[in-house]
């Protein structure tokens, strides 16, 4: 089996005085920027019951995710999204994926295991 090289970037934070809809609309600029970044796979945003936000990005590697995070702060420093986030509440980290499960991945692993057993 091949080692996983994917990485999860997870940021949590609270919003300043804005609506959830305003926050989601402001993410359009970030989403478009992410689509152009090397190694970008997907992004998910969730709102917890306490109102805090979880922003998760899947990268093909820790290196791509880390480099993109640095570029984002430089290239999107004037983006509207930054004015909506309480900077004192931001927690950010990126980590290599250690385990994957799901239909697509399980089928690929099963096929690989079958080929190794033959």
PDB file of N, CA and C in Angstrom:
ATOM      1  N   UNK A   1       0.839  -1.178   0.000  1.00  0.00           N
ATOM      2  CA  UNK A   1       0.000   0.000   0.000  1.00  0.00           C
ATOM      3  C   UNK A   1       0.889   1.247   0.000  1.00  0.00           C
ATOM      4  N   UNK A   2       0.450   2.250  -0.695  1.00  0.00           N
ATOM      5  CA  UNK A   2       1.205   3.492  -0.777  1.00  0.00           C
ATOM      6  C   UNK A   2       0.938   4.350   0.452  1.00  0.00           C
ATOM      7  N   UNK A   3       1.966   5.032   0.972  1.00  0.00           N
ATOM      8  CA  UNK A   3       1.720   5.933   2.098  1.00  0.00           C
ATOM      9  C   UNK A   3       0.872   7.115   1.630  1.00  0.00           C
ATOM     10  N   UNK A   4       0.087   7.643   2.528  1.00  0.00           N
ATOM     11  CA  UNK A   4      -0.753   8.796   2.194  1.00  0.00           C
ATOM     12  C   UNK A   4       0.114  10.042   2.139  1.00  0.00           C
ATOM     13  N   UNK A   5      -0.127  10.848   1.132  1.00  0.00           N
ATOM     14  CA  UNK A   5       0.605  12.105   1.031  1.00  0.00           C
ATOM     15  C   UNK A   5      -0.323  13.300   1.183  1.00  0.00           C
ATOM     16  N   UNK A   6      -1.619  13.052   1.251  1.00  0.00           N
ATOM     17  CA  UNK A   6      -2.560  14.156   1.385  1.00  0.00           C
ATOM     18  C   UNK A   6      -2.380  14.866   2.722  1.00  0.00           C
ATOM     19  N   UNK A   7      -2.880  16.093   2.770  1.00  0.00           N
ATOM     20  CA  UNK A   7      -2.807  16.876   4.004  1.00  0.00           C
ATOM     21  C   UNK A   7      -4.132  17.590   4.231  1.00  0.00           C
ATOM     22  N   UNK A   8      -4.502  17.706   5.498  1.00  0.00           N
ATOM     23  CA  UNK A   8      -5.684  18.467   5.895  1.00  0.00           C
ATOM     24  C   UNK A   8      -5.246  19.761   6.561  1.00  0.00           C
ATOM     25  N   UNK A   9      -5.759  20.852   6.053  1.00  0.00           N
ATOM     26  CA  UNK A   9      -5.565  22.161   6.677  1.00  0.00           C
ATOM     27  C   UNK A   9      -6.872  22.482   7.387  1.00  0.00           C
ATOM     28  N   UNK A  10      -6.791  22.756   8.673  1.00  0.00           N
ATOM     29  CA  UNK A  10      -8.002  23.061   9.429  1.00  0.00           C
ATOM     30  C   UNK A  10      -7.815  24.378  10.169  1.00  0.00           C
ATOM     31  N   UNK A  11      -8.731  25.291   9.895  1.00  0.00           N
ATOM     32  CA  UNK A  11      -8.747  26.574  10.602  1.00  0.00           C
ATOM     33  C   UNK A  11     -10.084  26.682  11.329  1.00  0.00           C
ATOM     34  N   UNK A  12     -10.038  27.179  12.542  1.00  0.00           N
ATOM     35  CA  UNK A  12     -11.262  27.475  13.282  1.00  0.00           C
ATOM     36  C   UNK A  12     -11.199  28.934  13.713  1.00  0.00           C
ATOM     37  N   UNK A  13     -12.360  29.562  13.766  1.00  0.00           N
ATOM     38  CA  UNK A  13     -12.412  30.977  14.138  1.00  0.00           C
ATOM     39  C   UNK A  13     -13.848  31.391  14.382  1.00  0.00           C
ATOM     40  N   UNK A  14     -13.997  32.605  14.887  1.00  0.00           N
ATOM     41  CA  UNK A  14     -15.314  33.209  15.072  1.00  0.00           C
ATOM     42  C   UNK A  14     -15.432  34.380  14.101  1.00  0.00           C
ATOM     43  N   UNK A  15     -16.653  34.643  13.715  1.00  0.00           N
ATOM     44  CA  UNK A  15     -16.920  35.771  12.834  1.00  0.00           C
ATOM     45  C   UNK A  15     -17.131  37.030  13.653  1.00  0.00           C
ATOM     46  N   UNK A  16     -16.798  38.147  13.033  1.00  0.00           N
ATOM     47  CA  UNK A  16     -17.148  39.434  13.624  1.00  0.00           C
ATOM     48  C   UNK A  16     -18.631  39.659  13.326  1.00  0.00           C
ATOM     49  N   UNK A  17     -19.102  40.852  13.412  1.00  0.00           N
ATOM     50  CA  UNK A  17     -20.527  41.137  13.256  1.00  0.00           C
ATOM     51  C   UNK A  17     -20.942  41.060  11.786  1.00  0.00           C
ATOM     52  N   UNK A  18     -21.271  39.849  11.331  1.00  0.00           N
ATOM     53  CA  UNK A  18     -21.768  39.672   9.967  1.00  0.00           C
ATOM     54  C   UNK A  18     -22.691  38.460   9.944  1.00  0.00           C
ATOM     55  N   UNK A  19     -23.496  38.369   8.900  1.00  0.00           N
ATOM     56  CA  UNK A  19     -24.385  37.215   8.773  1.00  0.00           C
ATOM     57  C   UNK A  19     -23.623  36.055   8.143  1.00  0.00           C
ATOM     58  N   UNK A  20     -24.149  34.859   8.344  1.00  0.00           N
ATOM     59  CA  UNK A  20     -23.550  33.664   7.746  1.00  0.00           C
ATOM     60  C   UNK A  20     -23.553  33.780   6.226  1.00  0.00           C
ATOM     61  N   UNK A  21     -24.632  34.300   5.674  1.00  0.00           N
ATOM     62  CA  UNK A  21     -24.739  34.471   4.218  1.00  0.00           C
ATOM     63  C   UNK A  21     -23.662  35.423   3.692  1.00  0.00           C
ATOM     64  N   UNK A  22     -23.432  36.521   4.404  1.00  0.00           N
ATOM     65  CA  UNK A  22     -22.384  37.470   4.003  1.00  0.00           C
ATOM     66  C   UNK A  22     -21.024  36.787   4.019  1.00  0.00           C
ATOM     67  N   UNK A  23     -20.767  36.020   5.065  1.00  0.00           N
ATOM     68  CA  UNK A  23     -19.505  35.293   5.176  1.00  0.00           C
ATOM     69  C   UNK A  23     -19.332  34.317   4.010  1.00  0.00           C
ATOM     70  N   UNK A  24     -20.363  33.544   3.706  1.00  0.00           N
ATOM     71  CA  UNK A  24     -20.253  32.571   2.612  1.00  0.00           C
ATOM     72  C   UNK A  24     -20.037  33.263   1.270  1.00  0.00           C
ATOM     73  N   UNK A  25     -20.724  34.371   1.040  1.00  0.00           N
ATOM     74  CA  UNK A  25     -20.526  35.114  -0.211  1.00  0.00           C
ATOM     75  C   UNK A  25     -19.098  35.633  -0.324  1.00  0.00           C
ATOM     76  N   UNK A  26     -18.551  36.104   0.786  1.00  0.00           N
ATOM     77  CA  UNK A  26     -17.185  36.644   0.774  1.00  0.00           C
ATOM     78  C   UNK A  26     -16.158  35.557   0.464  1.00  0.00           C
ATOM     79  N   UNK A  27     -16.523  34.304   0.645  1.00  0.00           N
ATOM     80  CA  UNK A  27     -15.611  33.203   0.361  1.00  0.00           C
ATOM     81  C   UNK A  27     -15.438  32.927  -1.126  1.00  0.00           C
ATOM     82  N   UNK A  28     -16.260  33.506  -1.975  1.00  0.00           N
ATOM     83  CA  UNK A  28     -16.146  33.274  -3.418  1.00  0.00           C
ATOM     84  C   UNK A  28     -14.751  33.632  -3.920  1.00  0.00           C
ATOM     85  N   UNK A  29     -14.200  34.726  -3.418  1.00  0.00           N
ATOM     86  CA  UNK A  29     -12.860  35.149  -3.836  1.00  0.00           C
ATOM     87  C   UNK A  29     -11.804  34.132  -3.397  1.00  0.00           C
ATOM     88  N   UNK A  30     -11.927  33.633  -2.187  1.00  0.00           N
ATOM     89  CA  UNK A  30     -10.986  32.630  -1.676  1.00  0.00           C
ATOM     90  C   UNK A  30     -11.138  31.331  -2.462  1.00  0.00           C
ATOM     91  N   UNK A  31     -12.371  30.920  -2.721  1.00  0.00           N
ATOM     92  CA  UNK A  31     -12.608  29.687  -3.471  1.00  0.00           C
ATOM     93  C   UNK A  31     -11.976  29.749  -4.859  1.00  0.00           C
ATOM     94  N   UNK A  32     -12.153  30.862  -5.546  1.00  0.00           N
ATOM     95  CA  UNK A  32     -11.565  31.021  -6.882  1.00  0.00           C
ATOM     96  C   UNK A  32     -10.044  30.969  -6.804  1.00  0.00           C
ATOM     97  N   UNK A  33      -9.474  31.602  -5.791  1.00  0.00           N
ATOM     98  CA  UNK A  33      -8.024  31.601  -5.604  1.00  0.00           C
ATOM     99  C   UNK A  33      -7.527  30.181  -5.329  1.00  0.00           C
ATOM    100  N   UNK A  34      -8.228  29.453  -4.459  1.00  0.00           N
ATOM    101  CA  UNK A  34      -7.829  28.081  -4.131  1.00  0.00           C
ATOM    102  C   UNK A  34      -7.807  27.191  -5.365  1.00  0.00           C
ATOM    103  N   UNK A  35      -8.765  27.365  -6.260  1.00  0.00           N
ATOM    104  CA  UNK A  35      -8.831  26.545  -7.478  1.00  0.00           C
ATOM    105  C   UNK A  35      -7.569  26.672  -8.331  1.00  0.00           C
ATOM    106  N   UNK A  36      -6.862  27.772  -8.193  1.00  0.00           N
ATOM    107  CA  UNK A  36      -5.642  28.003  -8.983  1.00  0.00           C
ATOM    108  C   UNK A  36      -4.370  27.539  -8.276  1.00  0.00           C
ATOM    109  N   UNK A  37      -4.492  27.027  -7.066  1.00  0.00           N
ATOM    110  CA  UNK A  37      -3.309  26.664  -6.282  1.00  0.00           C
ATOM    111  C   UNK A  37      -2.863  25.232  -6.562  1.00  0.00           C
ATOM    112  N   UNK A  38      -1.543  25.036  -6.695  1.00  0.00           N
ATOM    113  CA  UNK A  38      -1.027  23.682  -6.891  1.00  0.00           C
ATOM    114  C   UNK A  38      -1.385  22.797  -5.698  1.00  0.00           C
ATOM    115  N   UNK A  39      -1.871  21.615  -5.983  1.00  0.00           N
ATOM    116  CA  UNK A  39      -2.150  20.651  -4.933  1.00  0.00           C
ATOM    117  C   UNK A  39      -3.504  20.778  -4.262  1.00  0.00           C
ATOM    118  N   UNK A  40      -4.302  21.785  -4.640  1.00  0.00           N
ATOM    119  CA  UNK A  40      -5.625  21.949  -4.020  1.00  0.00           C
ATOM    120  C   UNK A  40      -6.543  20.817  -4.446  1.00  0.00           C
ATOM    121  N   UNK A  41      -7.245  20.221  -3.471  1.00  0.00           N
ATOM    122  CA  UNK A  41      -8.196  19.143  -3.761  1.00  0.00           C
ATOM    123  C   UNK A  41      -9.638  19.576  -3.498  1.00  0.00           C
ATOM    124  N   UNK A  42      -9.919  20.059  -2.288  1.00  0.00           N
ATOM    125  CA  UNK A  42     -11.295  20.445  -1.964  1.00  0.00           C
ATOM    126  C   UNK A  42     -11.317  21.294  -0.700  1.00  0.00           C
ATOM    127  N   UNK A  43     -12.476  21.909  -0.471  1.00  0.00           N
ATOM    128  CA  UNK A  43     -12.657  22.751   0.713  1.00  0.00           C
ATOM    129  C   UNK A  43     -14.056  22.533   1.268  1.00  0.00           C
ATOM    130  N   UNK A  44     -14.163  22.534   2.582  1.00  0.00           N
ATOM    131  CA  UNK A  44     -15.437  22.419   3.278  1.00  0.00           C
ATOM    132  C   UNK A  44     -15.470  23.463   4.394  1.00  0.00           C
ATOM    133  N   UNK A  45     -16.617  24.102   4.563  1.00  0.00           N
ATOM    134  CA  UNK A  45     -16.802  25.055   5.657  1.00  0.00           C
ATOM    135  C   UNK A  45     -18.025  24.614   6.450  1.00  0.00           C
ATOM    136  N   UNK A  46     -17.887  24.604   7.762  1.00  0.00           N
ATOM    137  CA  UNK A  46     -18.997  24.220   8.638  1.00  0.00           C
ATOM    138  C   UNK A  46     -19.134  25.239   9.756  1.00  0.00           C
ATOM    139  N   UNK A  47     -20.352  25.330  10.269  1.00  0.00           N
ATOM    140  CA  UNK A  47     -20.605  26.199  11.418  1.00  0.00           C
ATOM    141  C   UNK A  47     -21.024  25.311  12.582  1.00  0.00           C
ATOM    142  N   UNK A  48     -20.298  25.446  13.678  1.00  0.00           N
ATOM    143  CA  UNK A  48     -20.621  24.673  14.879  1.00  0.00           C
ATOM    144  C   UNK A  48     -21.831  25.278  15.586  1.00  0.00           C
ATOM    145  N   UNK A  49     -22.374  24.511  16.510  1.00  0.00           N
ATOM    146  CA  UNK A  49     -23.536  24.987  17.278  1.00  0.00           C
ATOM    147  C   UNK A  49     -23.239  26.272  18.038  1.00  0.00           C
ATOM    148  N   UNK A  50     -21.989  26.434  18.479  1.00  0.00           N
ATOM    149  CA  UNK A  50     -21.630  27.640  19.234  1.00  0.00           C
ATOM    150  C   UNK A  50     -21.356  28.840  18.325  1.00  0.00           C
ATOM    151  N   UNK A  51     -21.521  28.661  17.007  1.00  0.00           N
ATOM    152  CA  UNK A  51     -21.325  29.752  16.059  1.00  0.00           C
ATOM    153  C   UNK A  51     -19.930  29.835  15.477  1.00  0.00           C
ATOM    154  N   UNK A  52     -18.980  29.108  16.030  1.00  0.00           N
ATOM    155  CA  UNK A  52     -17.626  29.143  15.480  1.00  0.00           C
ATOM    156  C   UNK A  52     -17.598  28.429  14.127  1.00  0.00           C
ATOM    157  N   UNK A  53     -16.596  28.746  13.344  1.00  0.00           N
ATOM    158  CA  UNK A  53     -16.478  28.241  11.979  1.00  0.00           C
ATOM    159  C   UNK A  53     -15.317  27.260  11.901  1.00  0.00           C
ATOM    160  N   UNK A  54     -15.528  26.183  11.151  1.00  0.00           N
ATOM    161  CA  UNK A  54     -14.465  25.232  10.836  1.00  0.00           C
ATOM    162  C   UNK A  54     -14.278  25.292   9.323  1.00  0.00           C
ATOM    163  N   UNK A  55     -13.067  25.603   8.900  1.00  0.00           N
ATOM    164  CA  UNK A  55     -12.727  25.710   7.483  1.00  0.00           C
ATOM    165  C   UNK A  55     -11.669  24.648   7.205  1.00  0.00           C
ATOM    166  N   UNK A  56     -12.009  23.646   6.380  1.00  0.00           N
ATOM    167  CA  UNK A  56     -11.112  22.534   6.133  1.00  0.00           C
ATOM    168  C   UNK A  56     -10.765  22.467   4.649  1.00  0.00           C
ATOM    169  N   UNK A  57      -9.473  22.379   4.369  1.00  0.00           N
ATOM    170  CA  UNK A  57      -9.003  22.277   2.992  1.00  0.00           C
ATOM    171  C   UNK A  57      -8.185  21.000   2.864  1.00  0.00           C
ATOM    172  N   UNK A  58      -8.451  20.248   1.805  1.00  0.00           N
ATOM    173  CA  UNK A  58      -7.685  19.046   1.513  1.00  0.00           C
ATOM    174  C   UNK A  58      -6.664  19.376   0.429  1.00  0.00           C
ATOM    175  N   UNK A  59      -5.400  19.081   0.729  1.00  0.00           N
ATOM    176  CA  UNK A  59      -4.284  19.316  -0.192  1.00  0.00           C
ATOM    177  C   UNK A  59      -3.653  17.987  -0.567  1.00  0.00           C
ATOM    178  N   UNK A  60      -2.905  17.971  -1.653  1.00  0.00           N
ATOM    179  CA  UNK A  60      -2.224  16.733  -2.015  1.00  0.00           C
ATOM    180  C   UNK A  60      -0.960  16.507  -1.199  1.00  0.00           C
ATOM    181  N   UNK A  61      -0.506  17.541  -0.462  1.00  0.00           N
ATOM    182  CA  UNK A  61       0.670  17.385   0.403  1.00  0.00           C
ATOM    183  C   UNK A  61       0.725  18.522   1.418  1.00  0.00           C
ATOM    184  N   UNK A  62       1.454  18.285   2.498  1.00  0.00           N
ATOM    185  CA  UNK A  62       1.676  19.333   3.502  1.00  0.00           C
ATOM    186  C   UNK A  62       2.415  20.505   2.863  1.00  0.00           C
ATOM    187  N   UNK A  63       3.385  20.208   2.014  1.00  0.00           N
ATOM    188  CA  UNK A  63       4.175  21.274   1.381  1.00  0.00           C
ATOM    189  C   UNK A  63       3.295  22.206   0.552  1.00  0.00           C
ATOM    190  N   UNK A  64       2.404  21.644  -0.276  1.00  0.00           N
ATOM    191  CA  UNK A  64       1.517  22.492  -1.078  1.00  0.00           C
ATOM    192  C   UNK A  64       0.573  23.308  -0.199  1.00  0.00           C
ATOM    193  N   UNK A  65       0.026  22.691   0.828  1.00  0.00           N
ATOM    194  CA  UNK A  65      -0.887  23.400   1.720  1.00  0.00           C
ATOM    195  C   UNK A  65      -0.215  24.535   2.464  1.00  0.00           C
ATOM    196  N   UNK A  66       0.974  24.277   2.965  1.00  0.00           N
ATOM    197  CA  UNK A  66       1.713  25.299   3.711  1.00  0.00           C
ATOM    198  C   UNK A  66       2.110  26.459   2.804  1.00  0.00           C
ATOM    199  N   UNK A  67       2.609  26.142   1.617  1.00  0.00           N
ATOM    200  CA  UNK A  67       3.008  27.191   0.675  1.00  0.00           C
ATOM    201  C   UNK A  67       1.803  28.035   0.261  1.00  0.00           C
ATOM    202  N   UNK A  68       0.674  27.395   0.038  1.00  0.00           N
ATOM    203  CA  UNK A  68      -0.527  28.135  -0.356  1.00  0.00           C
ATOM    204  C   UNK A  68      -1.039  29.022   0.771  1.00  0.00           C
ATOM    205  N   UNK A  69      -0.946  28.548   2.003  1.00  0.00           N
ATOM    206  CA  UNK A  69      -1.376  29.369   3.145  1.00  0.00           C
ATOM    207  C   UNK A  69      -0.536  30.643   3.225  1.00  0.00           C
ATOM    208  N   UNK A  70       0.746  30.519   2.985  1.00  0.00           N
ATOM    209  CA  UNK A  70       1.619  31.713   2.991  1.00  0.00           C
ATOM    210  C   UNK A  70       1.237  32.670   1.867  1.00  0.00           C
ATOM    211  N   UNK A  71       0.997  32.111   0.674  1.00  0.00           N
ATOM    212  CA  UNK A  71       0.615  32.953  -0.464  1.00  0.00           C
ATOM    213  C   UNK A  71      -0.726  33.631  -0.218  1.00  0.00           C
ATOM    214  N   UNK A  72      -1.675  32.913   0.381  1.00  0.00           N
ATOM    215  CA  UNK A  72      -2.997  33.478   0.625  1.00  0.00           C
ATOM    216  C   UNK A  72      -2.890  34.751   1.457  1.00  0.00           C
ATOM    217  N   UNK A  73      -2.109  34.714   2.512  1.00  0.00           N
ATOM    218  CA  UNK A  73      -1.987  35.886   3.378  1.00  0.00           C
ATOM    219  C   UNK A  73      -1.363  37.067   2.640  1.00  0.00           C
ATOM    220  N   UNK A  74      -0.523  36.791   1.668  1.00  0.00           N
ATOM    221  CA  UNK A  74       0.109  37.851   0.894  1.00  0.00           C
ATOM    222  C   UNK A  74      -0.795  38.303  -0.268  1.00  0.00           C
ATOM    223  N   UNK A  75      -1.269  37.358  -1.054  1.00  0.00           N
ATOM    224  CA  UNK A  75      -2.002  37.679  -2.275  1.00  0.00           C
ATOM    225  C   UNK A  75      -3.444  38.123  -2.028  1.00  0.00           C
ATOM    226  N   UNK A  76      -4.040  37.675  -0.927  1.00  0.00           N
ATOM    227  CA  UNK A  76      -5.427  38.049  -0.630  1.00  0.00           C
ATOM    228  C   UNK A  76      -5.531  38.922   0.615  1.00  0.00           C
ATOM    229  N   UNK A  77      -4.473  39.660   0.920  1.00  0.00           N
ATOM    230  CA  UNK A  77      -4.492  40.448   2.148  1.00  0.00           C
ATOM    231  C   UNK A  77      -5.587  41.509   2.147  1.00  0.00           C
ATOM    232  N   UNK A  78      -6.030  41.957   0.996  1.00  0.00           N
ATOM    233  CA  UNK A  78      -7.092  42.957   0.928  1.00  0.00           C
ATOM    234  C   UNK A  78      -8.474  42.371   0.706  1.00  0.00           C
ATOM    235  N   UNK A  79      -8.590  41.049   0.741  1.00  0.00           N
ATOM    236  CA  UNK A  79      -9.874  40.392   0.473  1.00  0.00           C
ATOM    237  C   UNK A  79     -10.903  40.718   1.553  1.00  0.00           C
ATOM    238  N   UNK A  80     -12.153  40.803   1.135  1.00  0.00           N
ATOM    239  CA  UNK A  80     -13.255  41.140   2.046  1.00  0.00           C
ATOM    240  C   UNK A  80     -13.389  40.143   3.192  1.00  0.00           C
ATOM    241  N   UNK A  81     -13.023  38.906   2.973  1.00  0.00           N
ATOM    242  CA  UNK A  81     -13.187  37.862   3.986  1.00  0.00           C
ATOM    243  C   UNK A  81     -12.453  38.193   5.282  1.00  0.00           C
ATOM    244  N   UNK A  82     -11.297  38.819   5.176  1.00  0.00           N
ATOM    245  CA  UNK A  82     -10.487  39.099   6.368  1.00  0.00           C
ATOM    246  C   UNK A  82     -11.180  40.054   7.343  1.00  0.00           C
ATOM    247  N   UNK A  83     -11.990  40.951   6.822  1.00  0.00           N
ATOM    248  CA  UNK A  83     -12.698  41.905   7.689  1.00  0.00           C
ATOM    249  C   UNK A  83     -13.852  41.247   8.447  1.00  0.00           C
ATOM    250  N   UNK A  84     -14.193  40.015   8.088  1.00  0.00           N
ATOM    251  CA  UNK A  84     -15.318  39.323   8.718  1.00  0.00           C
ATOM    252  C   UNK A  84     -14.890  38.343   9.804  1.00  0.00           C
ATOM    253  N   UNK A  85     -13.591  38.070   9.889  1.00  0.00           N
ATOM    254  CA  UNK A  85     -13.063  37.070  10.824  1.00  0.00           C
ATOM    255  C   UNK A  85     -12.403  37.760  12.008  1.00  0.00           C
ATOM    256  N   UNK A  86     -12.712  37.295  13.208  1.00  0.00           N
ATOM    257  CA  UNK A  86     -12.071  37.816  14.418  1.00  0.00           C
ATOM    258  C   UNK A  86     -10.669  37.208  14.502  1.00  0.00           C
ATOM    259  N   UNK A  87      -9.623  38.000  14.238  1.00  0.00           N
ATOM    260  CA  UNK A  87      -8.267  37.446  14.188  1.00  0.00           C
ATOM    261  C   UNK A  87      -7.785  36.856  15.512  1.00  0.00           C
ATOM    262  N   UNK A  88      -8.336  37.320  16.620  1.00  0.00           N
ATOM    263  CA  UNK A  88      -7.919  36.805  17.930  1.00  0.00           C
ATOM    264  C   UNK A  88      -8.431  35.395  18.202  1.00  0.00           C
ATOM    265  N   UNK A  89      -9.338  34.905  17.355  1.00  0.00           N
ATOM    266  CA  UNK A  89      -9.922  33.577  17.584  1.00  0.00           C
ATOM    267  C   UNK A  89      -9.427  32.527  16.596  1.00  0.00           C
ATOM    268  N   UNK A  90      -8.542  32.917  15.694  1.00  0.00           N
ATOM    269  CA  UNK A  90      -8.091  31.995  14.641  1.00  0.00           C
ATOM    270  C   UNK A  90      -7.119  30.956  15.189  1.00  0.00           C
ATOM    271  N   UNK A  91      -7.416  29.705  14.868  1.00  0.00           N
ATOM    272  CA  UNK A  91      -6.515  28.588  15.136  1.00  0.00           C
ATOM    273  C   UNK A  91      -6.301  27.895  13.796  1.00  0.00           C
ATOM    274  N   UNK A  92      -5.052  27.659  13.415  1.00  0.00           N
ATOM    275  CA  UNK A  92      -4.744  27.080  12.107  1.00  0.00           C
ATOM    276  C   UNK A  92      -3.710  25.985  12.268  1.00  0.00           C
ATOM    277  N   UNK A  93      -3.883  24.909  11.511  1.00  0.00           N
ATOM    278  CA  UNK A  93      -2.882  23.840  11.496  1.00  0.00           C
ATOM    279  C   UNK A  93      -3.039  23.041  10.213  1.00  0.00           C
ATOM    280  N   UNK A  94      -1.980  22.354   9.853  1.00  0.00           N
ATOM    281  CA  UNK A  94      -2.005  21.453   8.707  1.00  0.00           C
ATOM    282  C   UNK A  94      -1.291  20.181   9.121  1.00  0.00           C
ATOM    283  N   UNK A  95      -1.833  19.047   8.702  1.00  0.00           N
ATOM    284  CA  UNK A  95      -1.248  17.763   9.098  1.00  0.00           C
ATOM    285  C   UNK A  95      -1.397  16.760   7.966  1.00  0.00           C
ATOM    286  N   UNK A  96      -0.431  15.870   7.878  1.00  0.00           N
ATOM    287  CA  UNK A  96      -0.491  14.796   6.893  1.00  0.00           C
ATOM    288  C   UNK A  96      -1.609  13.826   7.256  1.00  0.00           C
ATOM    289  N   UNK A  97      -2.333  13.384   6.257  1.00  0.00           N
ATOM    290  CA  UNK A  97      -3.409  12.414   6.458  1.00  0.00           C
ATOM    291  C   UNK A  97      -2.792  11.066   6.822  1.00  0.00           C
ATOM    292  N   UNK A  98      -3.319  10.450   7.854  1.00  0.00           N
ATOM    293  CA  UNK A  98      -2.812   9.162   8.331  1.00  0.00           C
ATOM    294  C   UNK A  98      -3.738   7.996   7.999  1.00  0.00           C
ATOM    295  N   UNK A  99      -4.998   8.291   7.739  1.00  0.00           N
ATOM    296  CA  UNK A  99      -5.966   7.227   7.461  1.00  0.00           C
ATOM    297  C   UNK A  99      -7.059   7.780   6.561  1.00  0.00           C
ATOM    298  N   UNK A 100      -7.485   6.977   5.613  1.00  0.00           N
ATOM    299  CA  UNK A 100      -8.562   7.362   4.706  1.00  0.00           C
ATOM    300  C   UNK A 100      -9.552   6.213   4.638  1.00  0.00           C
ATOM    301  N   UNK A 101     -10.824   6.525   4.679  1.00  0.00           N
ATOM    302  CA  UNK A 101     -11.832   5.501   4.446  1.00  0.00           C
ATOM    303  C   UNK A 101     -12.933   6.107   3.607  1.00  0.00           C
ATOM    304  N   UNK A 102     -13.612   5.290   2.891  1.00  0.00           N
ATOM    305  CA  UNK A 102     -14.663   5.758   2.004  1.00  0.00           C
ATOM    306  C   UNK A 102     -14.713   4.864   0.786  1.00  0.00           C
ATOM    307  N   UNK A 103     -15.812   4.923   0.106  1.00  0.00           N
ATOM    308  CA  UNK A 103     -16.058   4.014  -1.001  1.00  0.00           C
ATOM    309  C   UNK A 103     -14.962   4.053  -2.057  1.00  0.00           C
ATOM    310  N   UNK A 104     -14.614   5.227  -2.548  1.00  0.00           N
ATOM    311  CA  UNK A 104     -13.617   5.343  -3.613  1.00  0.00           C
ATOM    312  C   UNK A 104     -12.261   4.829  -3.147  1.00  0.00           C
ATOM    313  N   UNK A 105     -11.844   5.241  -1.963  1.00  0.00           N
ATOM    314  CA  UNK A 105     -10.538   4.837  -1.457  1.00  0.00           C
ATOM    315  C   UNK A 105     -10.510   3.358  -1.122  1.00  0.00           C
ATOM    316  N   UNK A 106     -11.566   2.846  -0.502  1.00  0.00           N
ATOM    317  CA  UNK A 106     -11.614   1.434  -0.130  1.00  0.00           C
ATOM    318  C   UNK A 106     -11.516   0.534  -1.355  1.00  0.00           C
ATOM    319  N   UNK A 107     -12.174   0.905  -2.450  1.00  0.00           N
ATOM    320  CA  UNK A 107     -12.129   0.105  -3.670  1.00  0.00           C
ATOM    321  C   UNK A 107     -10.722   0.086  -4.256  1.00  0.00           C
ATOM    322  N   UNK A 108     -10.042   1.231  -4.236  1.00  0.00           N
ATOM    323  CA  UNK A 108      -8.672   1.300  -4.754  1.00  0.00           C
ATOM    324  C   UNK A 108      -7.731   0.467  -3.900  1.00  0.00           C
ATOM    325  N   UNK A 109      -7.876   0.544  -2.581  1.00  0.00           N
ATOM    326  CA  UNK A 109      -7.028  -0.257  -1.695  1.00  0.00           C
ATOM    327  C   UNK A 109      -7.281  -1.743  -1.878  1.00  0.00           C
ATOM    328  N   UNK A 110      -8.535  -2.132  -2.055  1.00  0.00           N
ATOM    329  CA  UNK A 110      -8.867  -3.544  -2.246  1.00  0.00           C
ATOM    330  C   UNK A 110      -8.254  -4.066  -3.538  1.00  0.00           C
ATOM    331  N   UNK A 111      -8.321  -3.275  -4.602  1.00  0.00           N
ATOM    332  CA  UNK A 111      -7.732  -3.689  -5.875  1.00  0.00           C
ATOM    333  C   UNK A 111      -6.224  -3.828  -5.751  1.00  0.00           C
ATOM    334  N   UNK A 112      -5.592  -2.897  -5.035  1.00  0.00           N
ATOM    335  CA  UNK A 112      -4.148  -2.969  -4.844  1.00  0.00           C
ATOM    336  C   UNK A 112      -3.776  -4.189  -4.007  1.00  0.00           C
ATOM    337  N   UNK A 113      -4.539  -4.459  -2.958  1.00  0.00           N
ATOM    338  CA  UNK A 113      -4.274  -5.627  -2.111  1.00  0.00           C
ATOM    339  C   UNK A 113      -4.425  -6.911  -2.914  1.00  0.00           C
ATOM    340  N   UNK A 114      -5.442  -6.974  -3.790  1.00  0.00           N
ATOM    341  CA  UNK A 114      -5.639  -8.157  -4.630  1.00  0.00           C
ATOM    342  C   UNK A 114      -4.459  -8.366  -5.569  1.00  0.00           C
ATOM    343  N   UNK A 115      -3.942  -7.267  -6.141  1.00  0.00           N
ATOM    344  CA  UNK A 115      -2.816  -7.403  -7.070  1.00  0.00           C
ATOM    345  C   UNK A 115      -1.546  -7.828  -6.338  1.00  0.00           C
ATOM    346  N   UNK A 116      -1.379  -7.394  -5.089  1.00  0.00           N
ATOM    347  CA  UNK A 116      -0.203  -7.794  -4.312  1.00  0.00           C
ATOM    348  C   UNK A 116      -0.296  -9.253  -3.881  1.00  0.00           C
ATOM    349  N   UNK A 117      -1.519  -9.738  -3.670  1.00  0.00           N
ATOM    350  CA  UNK A 117      -1.717 -11.118  -3.220  1.00  0.00           C
ATOM    351  C   UNK A 117      -1.551 -12.116  -4.361  1.00  0.00           C
ATOM    352  N   UNK A 118      -1.698 -11.664  -5.595  1.00  0.00           N
ATOM    353  CA  UNK A 118      -1.628 -12.572  -6.755  1.00  0.00           C
ATOM    354  C   UNK A 118      -0.219 -13.044  -7.039  1.00  0.00           C
TER     355      UNK A 118
END
